[in-house]
Amino acid sequence: MINISKEDFCKAINRLKESQDQLIEIDRVLGAVCNLGDLSDTVIKLLEKLTDAYINDQFGSDISYFCWELDFGRNWTPDSITDMDDNPIDISTPEKLYDYLVACS
């Protein structure tokens, strides 16, 4: 059961994306390593709990996959994630990720 509204879920993901983008830019400009990884991990773990996200020991959750591997959906392609029949699952935006999580719950 999903315990967070779509609006709040998307706000959290989008804010995390903005923060990550800012850290990347700071690191690029200053050459400094700025690590807010603990905060990012905490936000993702909270979202996982609120959405009952499936967590695979090898790959993590769909939420962490969306944020880190798919770079908040920017790197999504039709073969990024598929169902059991190899049909693409579009999780290219926080809204679509949320809809997918709702459908899976």
Protein backbone atom coordinates (compact mmCIF):
# COMPACT_ATOMS: atom_id res chain seq x y z
CA MET A 1 0.00 0.00 0.00
CA ILE A 2 1.29 3.44 -0.95
CA ASN A 3 1.45 5.80 2.02
CA ILE A 4 2.48 8.97 0.22
CA SER A 5 0.61 11.11 -2.29
CA LYS A 6 1.84 11.34 -5.85
CA GLU A 7 2.39 15.07 -5.37
CA ASP A 8 4.58 14.60 -2.27
CA PHE A 9 6.46 11.69 -3.85
CA CYS A 10 7.26 13.73 -6.97
CA LYS A 11 8.25 16.78 -4.93
CA ALA A 12 10.73 14.67 -2.95
CA ILE A 13 12.22 13.08 -6.09
CA ASN A 14 12.44 16.42 -7.91
CA ARG A 15 14.08 18.11 -4.91
CA LEU A 16 16.58 15.27 -4.65
CA LYS A 17 17.31 15.66 -8.38
CA GLU A 18 17.86 19.42 -7.98
CA SER A 19 20.20 18.85 -5.04
CA GLN A 20 22.16 16.23 -6.93
CA ASP A 21 22.47 18.50 -9.98
CA GLN A 22 23.71 21.32 -7.76
CA LEU A 23 26.31 19.07 -6.13
CA ILE A 24 27.57 17.94 -9.52
CA GLU A 25 27.91 21.57 -10.62
CA ILE A 26 29.69 22.55 -7.40
CA ASP A 27 32.07 19.65 -7.81
CA ARG A 28 32.70 20.62 -11.45
CA VAL A 29 33.36 24.28 -10.65
CA LEU A 30 35.31 23.93 -7.43
CA GLY A 31 36.83 20.52 -7.93
CA ALA A 32 35.71 19.75 -4.39
CA VAL A 33 34.05 16.57 -3.34
CA CYS A 34 30.71 17.44 -1.80
CA ASN A 35 28.98 14.37 -0.47
CA LEU A 36 25.42 14.50 0.65
CA GLY A 37 25.09 10.80 -0.08
CA ASP A 38 23.82 10.07 3.41
CA LEU A 39 20.99 12.55 3.00
CA SER A 40 20.14 11.21 -0.46
CA ASP A 41 20.15 7.63 0.83
CA THR A 42 17.89 8.65 3.73
CA VAL A 43 15.38 10.28 1.38
CA ILE A 44 15.37 7.23 -0.91
CA LYS A 45 14.95 4.82 2.02
CA LEU A 46 12.05 6.89 3.32
CA LEU A 47 10.38 6.88 -0.10
CA GLU A 48 10.95 3.11 -0.32
CA LYS A 49 9.19 2.60 3.00
CA LEU A 50 6.32 4.92 2.11
CA THR A 51 5.74 3.17 -1.21
CA ASP A 52 6.53 -0.40 -0.12
CA ALA A 53 9.02 -0.43 -2.99
CA TYR A 54 10.35 -3.84 -3.94
CA ILE A 55 14.00 -4.07 -3.01
CA ASN A 56 16.29 -6.51 -4.79
CA ASP A 57 19.51 -7.26 -2.90
CA GLN A 58 21.54 -7.05 -6.10
CA PHE A 59 19.98 -4.01 -7.78
CA GLY A 60 18.36 -2.05 -4.96
CA SER A 61 14.89 -0.60 -5.39
CA ASP A 62 13.18 0.81 -8.45
CA ILE A 63 13.42 4.21 -6.76
CA SER A 64 17.20 4.09 -6.34
CA TYR A 65 17.51 2.66 -9.87
CA PHE A 66 15.46 5.60 -11.18
CA CYS A 67 17.54 8.16 -9.27
CA TRP A 68 21.04 6.82 -9.76
CA GLU A 69 21.18 4.48 -12.76
CA LEU A 70 18.61 6.34 -14.83
CA ASP A 71 19.78 9.77 -13.59
CA PHE A 72 16.29 10.76 -12.45
CA GLY A 73 14.78 9.43 -15.67
CA ARG A 74 17.08 11.35 -18.01
CA ASN A 75 18.78 8.11 -19.11
CA TRP A 76 15.60 6.06 -19.43
CA THR A 77 15.23 4.06 -22.63
CA PRO A 78 12.56 1.48 -23.53
CA ASP A 79 14.93 -1.32 -22.52
CA SER A 80 15.79 0.22 -19.12
CA ILE A 81 13.08 -1.73 -17.33
CA THR A 82 10.66 -4.26 -18.76
CA ASP A 83 7.87 -6.45 -17.50
CA MET A 84 7.97 -10.25 -17.57
CA ASP A 85 6.94 -10.22 -21.26
CA ASP A 86 9.76 -7.80 -22.14
CA ASN A 87 7.37 -4.88 -22.63
CA PRO A 88 8.98 -1.55 -21.70
CA ILE A 89 7.90 0.09 -18.46
CA ASP A 90 8.10 3.85 -18.76
CA ILE A 91 9.59 5.30 -15.58
CA SER A 92 11.11 8.33 -17.28
CA THR A 93 9.60 10.83 -14.81
CA PRO A 94 8.82 10.80 -11.08
CA GLU A 95 5.11 10.79 -11.98
CA LYS A 96 5.47 7.69 -14.14
CA LEU A 97 7.63 6.01 -11.50
CA TYR A 98 4.95 6.70 -8.90
CA ASP A 99 2.20 5.30 -11.18
CA TYR A 100 4.32 2.17 -11.73
CA LEU A 101 4.85 1.74 -7.98
CA VAL A 102 1.10 2.14 -7.38
CA ALA A 103 0.35 -0.46 -10.05
CA CYS A 104 2.80 -2.88 -8.39
CA SER A 105 1.39 -2.42 -4.89
